[in-house]
Amino acid sequence: CLPSDVEGMPLSLLEAMSYGCTCLVS
């Protein structure tokens, strides 16, 4: 889960998805 109010380009989200993680984001 990445509940950000502000991002540039979220590398941690890219990494999580590269592992095949189910993701929930703002």
mmCIF file of all heavy atoms, coordinates in Angstrom:
data_MODEL
# 
_entry.id   MODEL 
# 
loop_
_atom_site.group_PDB 
_atom_site.id 
_atom_site.type_symbol 
_atom_site.label_atom_id 
_atom_site.label_alt_id 
_atom_site.label_comp_id 
_atom_site.label_asym_id 
_atom_site.label_entity_id 
_atom_site.label_seq_id 
_atom_site.pdbx_PDB_ins_code 
_atom_site.Cartn_x 
_atom_site.Cartn_y 
_atom_site.Cartn_z 
_atom_site.occupancy 
_atom_site.B_iso_or_equiv 
_atom_site.pdbx_formal_charge 
_atom_site.auth_seq_id 
_atom_site.auth_comp_id 
_atom_site.auth_asym_id 
_atom_site.auth_atom_id 
_atom_site.pdbx_PDB_model_num 
ATOM 1   N N   . CYS A 1 1  ? 0.831  -1.206  0.000   1.00 0.00 ? 1  CYS A N   1 
ATOM 2   C CA  . CYS A 1 1  ? 0.000  0.000   0.000   1.00 0.00 ? 1  CYS A CA  1 
ATOM 3   C C   . CYS A 1 1  ? 0.865  1.256   0.000   1.00 0.00 ? 1  CYS A C   1 
ATOM 4   O O   . CYS A 1 1  ? 1.792  1.386   0.807   1.00 0.00 ? 1  CYS A O   1 
ATOM 5   C CB  . CYS A 1 1  ? -0.923 0.008   1.221   1.00 0.00 ? 1  CYS A CB  1 
ATOM 6   S SG  . CYS A 1 1  ? -2.116 1.384   1.198   1.00 0.00 ? 1  CYS A SG  1 
ATOM 7   N N   . LEU A 1 2  ? 0.559  2.176   -0.915  1.00 0.00 ? 2  LEU A N   1 
ATOM 8   C CA  . LEU A 1 2  ? 1.241  3.471   -0.989  1.00 0.00 ? 2  LEU A CA  1 
ATOM 9   C C   . LEU A 1 2  ? 0.180  4.572   -0.995  1.00 0.00 ? 2  LEU A C   1 
ATOM 10  O O   . LEU A 1 2  ? -0.384 4.900   -2.027  1.00 0.00 ? 2  LEU A O   1 
ATOM 11  C CB  . LEU A 1 2  ? 2.107  3.554   -2.245  1.00 0.00 ? 2  LEU A CB  1 
ATOM 12  C CG  . LEU A 1 2  ? 2.974  4.808   -2.367  1.00 0.00 ? 2  LEU A CG  1 
ATOM 13  C CD1 . LEU A 1 2  ? 4.049  4.831   -1.277  1.00 0.00 ? 2  LEU A CD1 1 
ATOM 14  C CD2 . LEU A 1 2  ? 3.624  4.877   -3.748  1.00 0.00 ? 2  LEU A CD2 1 
ATOM 15  N N   . PRO A 1 3  ? -0.106 5.176   0.177   1.00 0.00 ? 3  PRO A N   1 
ATOM 16  C CA  . PRO A 1 3  ? -1.203 6.143   0.294   1.00 0.00 ? 3  PRO A CA  1 
ATOM 17  C C   . PRO A 1 3  ? -0.782 7.605   0.110   1.00 0.00 ? 3  PRO A C   1 
ATOM 18  O O   . PRO A 1 3  ? -1.293 8.499   0.777   1.00 0.00 ? 3  PRO A O   1 
ATOM 19  C CB  . PRO A 1 3  ? -1.700 5.886   1.724   1.00 0.00 ? 3  PRO A CB  1 
ATOM 20  C CG  . PRO A 1 3  ? -0.485 5.422   2.468   1.00 0.00 ? 3  PRO A CG  1 
ATOM 21  C CD  . PRO A 1 3  ? 0.442  4.783   1.481   1.00 0.00 ? 3  PRO A CD  1 
ATOM 22  N N   . SER A 1 4  ? 0.129  7.875   -0.807  1.00 0.00 ? 4  SER A N   1 
ATOM 23  C CA  . SER A 1 4  ? 0.771  9.191   -0.940  1.00 0.00 ? 4  SER A CA  1 
ATOM 24  C C   . SER A 1 4  ? -0.184 10.323  -1.280  1.00 0.00 ? 4  SER A C   1 
ATOM 25  O O   . SER A 1 4  ? -1.142 10.160  -2.025  1.00 0.00 ? 4  SER A O   1 
ATOM 26  C CB  . SER A 1 4  ? 1.824  9.144   -2.053  1.00 0.00 ? 4  SER A CB  1 
ATOM 27  O OG  . SER A 1 4  ? 2.560  7.962   -2.020  1.00 0.00 ? 4  SER A OG  1 
ATOM 28  N N   . ASP A 1 5  ? 0.168  11.504  -0.773  1.00 0.00 ? 5  ASP A N   1 
ATOM 29  C CA  . ASP A 1 5  ? -0.460 12.745  -1.220  1.00 0.00 ? 5  ASP A CA  1 
ATOM 30  C C   . ASP A 1 5  ? 0.334  13.373  -2.356  1.00 0.00 ? 5  ASP A C   1 
ATOM 31  O O   . ASP A 1 5  ? -0.225 14.056  -3.225  1.00 0.00 ? 5  ASP A O   1 
ATOM 32  C CB  . ASP A 1 5  ? -0.539 13.765  -0.067  1.00 0.00 ? 5  ASP A CB  1 
ATOM 33  C CG  . ASP A 1 5  ? -1.621 13.418  0.947   1.00 0.00 ? 5  ASP A CG  1 
ATOM 34  O OD1 . ASP A 1 5  ? -2.626 12.788  0.542   1.00 0.00 ? 5  ASP A OD1 1 
ATOM 35  O OD2 . ASP A 1 5  ? -1.471 13.763  2.128   1.00 0.00 ? 5  ASP A OD2 1 
ATOM 36  N N   . VAL A 1 6  ? 1.656  13.173  -2.346  1.00 0.00 ? 6  VAL A N   1 
ATOM 37  C CA  . VAL A 1 6  ? 2.548  13.765  -3.347  1.00 0.00 ? 6  VAL A CA  1 
ATOM 38  C C   . VAL A 1 6  ? 3.553  12.707  -3.794  1.00 0.00 ? 6  VAL A C   1 
ATOM 39  O O   . VAL A 1 6  ? 4.125  12.006  -2.972  1.00 0.00 ? 6  VAL A O   1 
ATOM 40  C CB  . VAL A 1 6  ? 3.314  14.985  -2.771  1.00 0.00 ? 6  VAL A CB  1 
ATOM 41  C CG1 . VAL A 1 6  ? 4.277  15.557  -3.817  1.00 0.00 ? 6  VAL A CG1 1 
ATOM 42  C CG2 . VAL A 1 6  ? 2.353  16.065  -2.298  1.00 0.00 ? 6  VAL A CG2 1 
ATOM 43  N N   . GLU A 1 7  ? 3.767  12.606  -5.098  1.00 0.00 ? 7  GLU A N   1 
ATOM 44  C CA  . GLU A 1 7  ? 4.787  11.719  -5.642  1.00 0.00 ? 7  GLU A CA  1 
ATOM 45  C C   . GLU A 1 7  ? 5.418  12.383  -6.868  1.00 0.00 ? 7  GLU A C   1 
ATOM 46  O O   . GLU A 1 7  ? 4.829  13.286  -7.466  1.00 0.00 ? 7  GLU A O   1 
ATOM 47  C CB  . GLU A 1 7  ? 4.197  10.371  -6.078  1.00 0.00 ? 7  GLU A CB  1 
ATOM 48  C CG  . GLU A 1 7  ? 3.883  9.414   -4.943  1.00 0.00 ? 7  GLU A CG  1 
ATOM 49  C CD  . GLU A 1 7  ? 5.123  8.852   -4.264  1.00 0.00 ? 7  GLU A CD  1 
ATOM 50  O OE1 . GLU A 1 7  ? 6.237  9.073   -4.776  1.00 0.00 ? 7  GLU A OE1 1 
ATOM 51  O OE2 . GLU A 1 7  ? 4.981  8.213   -3.213  1.00 0.00 ? 7  GLU A OE2 1 
ATOM 52  N N   . GLY A 1 8  ? 6.605  11.905  -7.226  1.00 0.00 ? 8  GLY A N   1 
ATOM 53  C CA  . GLY A 1 8  ? 7.187  12.243  -8.516  1.00 0.00 ? 8  GLY A CA  1 
ATOM 54  C C   . GLY A 1 8  ? 6.859  11.085  -9.429  1.00 0.00 ? 8  GLY A C   1 
ATOM 55  O O   . GLY A 1 8  ? 5.884  11.081  -10.160 1.00 0.00 ? 8  GLY A O   1 
ATOM 56  N N   . MET A 1 9  ? 7.694  10.056  -9.353  1.00 0.00 ? 9  MET A N   1 
ATOM 57  C CA  . MET A 1 9  ? 7.343  8.754   -9.918  1.00 0.00 ? 9  MET A CA  1 
ATOM 58  C C   . MET A 1 9  ? 7.766  7.720   -8.896  1.00 0.00 ? 9  MET A C   1 
ATOM 59  O O   . MET A 1 9  ? 8.955  7.543   -8.651  1.00 0.00 ? 9  MET A O   1 
ATOM 60  C CB  . MET A 1 9  ? 8.035  8.509   -11.247 1.00 0.00 ? 9  MET A CB  1 
ATOM 61  C CG  . MET A 1 9  ? 7.564  7.220   -11.890 1.00 0.00 ? 9  MET A CG  1 
ATOM 62  S SD  . MET A 1 9  ? 8.361  6.875   -13.448 1.00 0.00 ? 9  MET A SD  1 
ATOM 63  C CE  . MET A 1 9  ? 7.385  5.460   -13.963 1.00 0.00 ? 9  MET A CE  1 
ATOM 64  N N   . PRO A 1 10 ? 6.822  7.047   -8.257  1.00 0.00 ? 10 PRO A N   1 
ATOM 65  C CA  . PRO A 1 10 ? 7.121  6.211   -7.086  1.00 0.00 ? 10 PRO A CA  1 
ATOM 66  C C   . PRO A 1 10 ? 7.882  4.935   -7.425  1.00 0.00 ? 10 PRO A C   1 
ATOM 67  O O   . PRO A 1 10 ? 7.312  3.948   -7.891  1.00 0.00 ? 10 PRO A O   1 
ATOM 68  C CB  . PRO A 1 10 ? 5.730  5.900   -6.525  1.00 0.00 ? 10 PRO A CB  1 
ATOM 69  C CG  . PRO A 1 10 ? 4.804  6.037   -7.685  1.00 0.00 ? 10 PRO A CG  1 
ATOM 70  C CD  . PRO A 1 10 ? 5.379  7.092   -8.564  1.00 0.00 ? 10 PRO A CD  1 
ATOM 71  N N   . LEU A 1 11 ? 9.184  4.942   -7.149  1.00 0.00 ? 11 LEU A N   1 
ATOM 72  C CA  . LEU A 1 11 ? 10.014 3.774   -7.439  1.00 0.00 ? 11 LEU A CA  1 
ATOM 73  C C   . LEU A 1 11 ? 9.620  2.568   -6.593  1.00 0.00 ? 11 LEU A C   1 
ATOM 74  O O   . LEU A 1 11 ? 9.681  1.429   -7.054  1.00 0.00 ? 11 LEU A O   1 
ATOM 75  C CB  . LEU A 1 11 ? 11.487 4.113   -7.195  1.00 0.00 ? 11 LEU A CB  1 
ATOM 76  C CG  . LEU A 1 11 ? 12.239 4.727   -8.376  1.00 0.00 ? 11 LEU A CG  1 
ATOM 77  C CD1 . LEU A 1 11 ? 13.629 5.150   -7.941  1.00 0.00 ? 11 LEU A CD1 1 
ATOM 78  C CD2 . LEU A 1 11 ? 12.329 3.765   -9.538  1.00 0.00 ? 11 LEU A CD2 1 
ATOM 79  N N   . SER A 1 12 ? 9.230  2.803   -5.340  1.00 0.00 ? 12 SER A N   1 
ATOM 80  C CA  . SER A 1 12 ? 8.846  1.676   -4.485  1.00 0.00 ? 12 SER A CA  1 
ATOM 81  C C   . SER A 1 12 ? 7.619  0.961   -5.048  1.00 0.00 ? 12 SER A C   1 
ATOM 82  O O   . SER A 1 12 ? 7.484  -0.265  -4.920  1.00 0.00 ? 12 SER A O   1 
ATOM 83  C CB  . SER A 1 12 ? 8.576  2.144   -3.056  1.00 0.00 ? 12 SER A CB  1 
ATOM 84  O OG  . SER A 1 12 ? 7.524  3.090   -3.018  1.00 0.00 ? 12 SER A OG  1 
ATOM 85  N N   . LEU A 1 13 ? 6.726  1.707   -5.687  1.00 0.00 ? 13 LEU A N   1 
ATOM 86  C CA  . LEU A 1 13 ? 5.553  1.102   -6.325  1.00 0.00 ? 13 LEU A CA  1 
ATOM 87  C C   . LEU A 1 13 ? 5.971  0.277   -7.535  1.00 0.00 ? 13 LEU A C   1 
ATOM 88  O O   . LEU A 1 13 ? 5.476  -0.842  -7.738  1.00 0.00 ? 13 LEU A O   1 
ATOM 89  C CB  . LEU A 1 13 ? 4.558  2.193   -6.731  1.00 0.00 ? 13 LEU A CB  1 
ATOM 90  C CG  . LEU A 1 13 ? 3.323  1.741   -7.516  1.00 0.00 ? 13 LEU A CG  1 
ATOM 91  C CD1 . LEU A 1 13 ? 2.523  0.702   -6.739  1.00 0.00 ? 13 LEU A CD1 1 
ATOM 92  C CD2 . LEU A 1 13 ? 2.438  2.948   -7.854  1.00 0.00 ? 13 LEU A CD2 1 
ATOM 93  N N   . LEU A 1 14 ? 6.872  0.816   -8.346  1.00 0.00 ? 14 LEU A N   1 
ATOM 94  C CA  . LEU A 1 14 ? 7.396  0.047   -9.478  1.00 0.00 ? 14 LEU A CA  1 
ATOM 95  C C   . LEU A 1 14 ? 8.029  -1.255  -8.992  1.00 0.00 ? 14 LEU A C   1 
ATOM 96  O O   . LEU A 1 14 ? 7.816  -2.325  -9.578  1.00 0.00 ? 14 LEU A O   1 
ATOM 97  C CB  . LEU A 1 14 ? 8.446  0.862   -10.227 1.00 0.00 ? 14 LEU A CB  1 
ATOM 98  C CG  . LEU A 1 14 ? 7.981  1.984   -11.155 1.00 0.00 ? 14 LEU A CG  1 
ATOM 99  C CD1 . LEU A 1 14 ? 9.185  2.711   -11.735 1.00 0.00 ? 14 LEU A CD1 1 
ATOM 100 C CD2 . LEU A 1 14 ? 7.097  1.456   -12.265 1.00 0.00 ? 14 LEU A CD2 1 
ATOM 101 N N   . GLU A 1 15 ? 8.806  -1.163  -7.913  1.00 0.00 ? 15 GLU A N   1 
ATOM 102 C CA  . GLU A 1 15 ? 9.466  -2.352  -7.379  1.00 0.00 ? 15 GLU A CA  1 
ATOM 103 C C   . GLU A 1 15 ? 8.447  -3.364  -6.874  1.00 0.00 ? 15 GLU A C   1 
ATOM 104 O O   . GLU A 1 15 ? 8.561  -4.567  -7.142  1.00 0.00 ? 15 GLU A O   1 
ATOM 105 C CB  . GLU A 1 15 ? 10.429 -1.958  -6.266  1.00 0.00 ? 15 GLU A CB  1 
ATOM 106 C CG  . GLU A 1 15 ? 11.655 -1.222  -6.769  1.00 0.00 ? 15 GLU A CG  1 
ATOM 107 C CD  . GLU A 1 15 ? 12.605 -0.836  -5.650  1.00 0.00 ? 15 GLU A CD  1 
ATOM 108 O OE1 . GLU A 1 15 ? 12.137 -0.369  -4.593  1.00 0.00 ? 15 GLU A OE1 1 
ATOM 109 O OE2 . GLU A 1 15 ? 13.825 -1.002  -5.828  1.00 0.00 ? 15 GLU A OE2 1 
ATOM 110 N N   . ALA A 1 16 ? 7.451  -2.880  -6.140  1.00 0.00 ? 16 ALA A N   1 
ATOM 111 C CA  . ALA A 1 16 ? 6.416  -3.781  -5.618  1.00 0.00 ? 16 ALA A CA  1 
ATOM 112 C C   . ALA A 1 16 ? 5.720  -4.524  -6.757  1.00 0.00 ? 16 ALA A C   1 
ATOM 113 O O   . ALA A 1 16 ? 5.509  -5.743  -6.691  1.00 0.00 ? 16 ALA A O   1 
ATOM 114 C CB  . ALA A 1 16 ? 5.403  -2.993  -4.787  1.00 0.00 ? 16 ALA A CB  1 
ATOM 115 N N   . MET A 1 17 ? 5.382  -3.805  -7.815  1.00 0.00 ? 17 MET A N   1 
ATOM 116 C CA  . MET A 1 17 ? 4.701  -4.433  -8.949  1.00 0.00 ? 17 MET A CA  1 
ATOM 117 C C   . MET A 1 17 ? 5.627  -5.395  -9.689  1.00 0.00 ? 17 MET A C   1 
ATOM 118 O O   . MET A 1 17 ? 5.181  -6.407  -10.230 1.00 0.00 ? 17 MET A O   1 
ATOM 119 C CB  . MET A 1 17 ? 4.154  -3.364  -9.883  1.00 0.00 ? 17 MET A CB  1 
ATOM 120 C CG  . MET A 1 17 ? 3.048  -2.522  -9.263  1.00 0.00 ? 17 MET A CG  1 
ATOM 121 S SD  . MET A 1 17 ? 2.311  -1.345  -10.411 1.00 0.00 ? 17 MET A SD  1 
ATOM 122 C CE  . MET A 1 17 ? 1.302  -2.433  -11.439 1.00 0.00 ? 17 MET A CE  1 
ATOM 123 N N   . SER A 1 18 ? 6.936  -5.096  -9.711  1.00 0.00 ? 18 SER A N   1 
ATOM 124 C CA  . SER A 1 18 ? 7.872  -6.003  -10.375 1.00 0.00 ? 18 SER A CA  1 
ATOM 125 C C   . SER A 1 18 ? 7.915  -7.357  -9.666  1.00 0.00 ? 18 SER A C   1 
ATOM 126 O O   . SER A 1 18 ? 8.207  -8.378  -10.287 1.00 0.00 ? 18 SER A O   1 
ATOM 127 C CB  . SER A 1 18 ? 9.270  -5.385  -10.435 1.00 0.00 ? 18 SER A CB  1 
ATOM 128 O OG  . SER A 1 18 ? 9.918  -5.419  -9.174  1.00 0.00 ? 18 SER A OG  1 
ATOM 129 N N   . TYR A 1 19 ? 7.625  -7.370  -8.366  1.00 0.00 ? 19 TYR A N   1 
ATOM 130 C CA  . TYR A 1 19 ? 7.541  -8.622  -7.603  1.00 0.00 ? 19 TYR A CA  1 
ATOM 131 C C   . TYR A 1 19 ? 6.171  -9.300  -7.765  1.00 0.00 ? 19 TYR A C   1 
ATOM 132 O O   . TYR A 1 19 ? 5.959  -10.380 -7.236  1.00 0.00 ? 19 TYR A O   1 
ATOM 133 C CB  . TYR A 1 19 ? 7.777  -8.352  -6.120  1.00 0.00 ? 19 TYR A CB  1 
ATOM 134 C CG  . TYR A 1 19 ? 9.227  -8.184  -5.737  1.00 0.00 ? 19 TYR A CG  1 
ATOM 135 C CD1 . TYR A 1 19 ? 9.855  -6.956  -5.835  1.00 0.00 ? 19 TYR A CD1 1 
ATOM 136 C CD2 . TYR A 1 19 ? 9.974  -9.265  -5.254  1.00 0.00 ? 19 TYR A CD2 1 
ATOM 137 C CE1 . TYR A 1 19 ? 11.193 -6.794  -5.477  1.00 0.00 ? 19 TYR A CE1 1 
ATOM 138 C CE2 . TYR A 1 19 ? 11.308 -9.124  -4.895  1.00 0.00 ? 19 TYR A CE2 1 
ATOM 139 C CZ  . TYR A 1 19 ? 11.905 -7.878  -5.010  1.00 0.00 ? 19 TYR A CZ  1 
ATOM 140 O OH  . TYR A 1 19 ? 13.231 -7.720  -4.654  1.00 0.00 ? 19 TYR A OH  1 
ATOM 141 N N   . GLY A 1 20 ? 5.269  -8.634  -8.485  1.00 0.00 ? 20 GLY A N   1 
ATOM 142 C CA  . GLY A 1 20 ? 3.930  -9.184  -8.655  1.00 0.00 ? 20 GLY A CA  1 
ATOM 143 C C   . GLY A 1 20 ? 3.005  -8.891  -7.498  1.00 0.00 ? 20 GLY A C   1 
ATOM 144 O O   . GLY A 1 20 ? 1.949  -9.532  -7.354  1.00 0.00 ? 20 GLY A O   1 
ATOM 145 N N   . CYS A 1 21 ? 3.375  -7.921  -6.641  1.00 0.00 ? 21 CYS A N   1 
ATOM 146 C CA  . CYS A 1 21 ? 2.550  -7.604  -5.468  1.00 0.00 ? 21 CYS A CA  1 
ATOM 147 C C   . CYS A 1 21 ? 1.195  -7.037  -5.881  1.00 0.00 ? 21 CYS A C   1 
ATOM 148 O O   . CYS A 1 21 ? 1.094  -6.211  -6.802  1.00 0.00 ? 21 CYS A O   1 
ATOM 149 C CB  . CYS A 1 21 ? 3.247  -6.570  -4.583  1.00 0.00 ? 21 CYS A CB  1 
ATOM 150 S SG  . CYS A 1 21 ? 4.799  -7.110  -3.869  1.00 0.00 ? 21 CYS A SG  1 
ATOM 151 N N   . THR A 1 22 ? 0.154  -7.453  -5.175  1.00 0.00 ? 22 THR A N   1 
ATOM 152 C CA  . THR A 1 22 ? -1.138 -6.775  -5.253  1.00 0.00 ? 22 THR A CA  1 
ATOM 153 C C   . THR A 1 22 ? -0.953 -5.412  -4.588  1.00 0.00 ? 22 THR A C   1 
ATOM 154 O O   . THR A 1 22 ? -0.424 -5.333  -3.480  1.00 0.00 ? 22 THR A O   1 
ATOM 155 C CB  . THR A 1 22 ? -2.207 -7.582  -4.504  1.00 0.00 ? 22 THR A CB  1 
ATOM 156 O OG1 . THR A 1 22 ? -2.347 -8.851  -5.145  1.00 0.00 ? 22 THR A OG1 1 
ATOM 157 C CG2 . THR A 1 22 ? -3.540 -6.857  -4.489  1.00 0.00 ? 22 THR A CG2 1 
ATOM 158 N N   . CYS A 1 23 ? -1.380 -4.340  -5.274  1.00 0.00 ? 23 CYS A N   1 
ATOM 159 C CA  . CYS A 1 23 ? -1.092 -2.993  -4.783  1.00 0.00 ? 23 CYS A CA  1 
ATOM 160 C C   . CYS A 1 23 ? -2.353 -2.153  -4.637  1.00 0.00 ? 23 CYS A C   1 
ATOM 161 O O   . CYS A 1 23 ? -3.282 -2.243  -5.439  1.00 0.00 ? 23 CYS A O   1 
ATOM 162 C CB  . CYS A 1 23 ? -0.120 -2.269  -5.722  1.00 0.00 ? 23 CYS A CB  1 
ATOM 163 S SG  . CYS A 1 23 ? 1.516  -3.020  -5.817  1.00 0.00 ? 23 CYS A SG  1 
ATOM 164 N N   . LEU A 1 24 ? -2.334 -1.313  -3.607  1.00 0.00 ? 24 LEU A N   1 
ATOM 165 C CA  . LEU A 1 24 ? -3.385 -0.328  -3.369  1.00 0.00 ? 24 LEU A CA  1 
ATOM 166 C C   . LEU A 1 24 ? -2.709 1.020   -3.180  1.00 0.00 ? 24 LEU A C   1 
ATOM 167 O O   . LEU A 1 24 ? -1.838 1.165   -2.321  1.00 0.00 ? 24 LEU A O   1 
ATOM 168 C CB  . LEU A 1 24 ? -4.192 -0.695  -2.120  1.00 0.00 ? 24 LEU A CB  1 
ATOM 169 C CG  . LEU A 1 24 ? -5.224 0.335   -1.630  1.00 0.00 ? 24 LEU A CG  1 
ATOM 170 C CD1 . LEU A 1 24 ? -6.277 0.616   -2.698  1.00 0.00 ? 24 LEU A CD1 1 
ATOM 171 C CD2 . LEU A 1 24 ? -5.867 -0.128  -0.334  1.00 0.00 ? 24 LEU A CD2 1 
ATOM 172 N N   . VAL A 1 25 ? -3.118 2.005   -3.994  1.00 0.00 ? 25 VAL A N   1 
ATOM 173 C CA  . VAL A 1 25 ? -2.458 3.310   -3.967  1.00 0.00 ? 25 VAL A CA  1 
ATOM 174 C C   . VAL A 1 25 ? -3.488 4.430   -3.978  1.00 0.00 ? 25 VAL A C   1 
ATOM 175 O O   . VAL A 1 25 ? -4.633 4.248   -4.394  1.00 0.00 ? 25 VAL A O   1 
ATOM 176 C CB  . VAL A 1 25 ? -1.511 3.476   -5.182  1.00 0.00 ? 25 VAL A CB  1 
ATOM 177 C CG1 . VAL A 1 25 ? -0.429 2.413   -5.170  1.00 0.00 ? 25 VAL A CG1 1 
ATOM 178 C CG2 . VAL A 1 25 ? -2.278 3.445   -6.509  1.00 0.00 ? 25 VAL A CG2 1 
ATOM 179 N N   . SER A 1 26 ? -3.064 5.597   -3.521  1.00 0.00 ? 26 SER A N   1 
ATOM 180 C CA  . SER A 1 26 ? -3.929 6.775   -3.628  1.00 0.00 ? 26 SER A CA  1 
ATOM 181 C C   . SER A 1 26 ? -4.108 7.135   -5.096  1.00 0.00 ? 26 SER A C   1 
ATOM 182 O O   . SER A 1 26 ? -3.267 6.807   -5.941  1.00 0.00 ? 26 SER A O   1 
ATOM 183 C CB  . SER A 1 26 ? -3.299 7.953   -2.873  1.00 0.00 ? 26 SER A CB  1 
ATOM 184 O OG  . SER A 1 26 ? -2.008 8.239   -3.395  1.00 0.00 ? 26 SER A OG  1 
# 
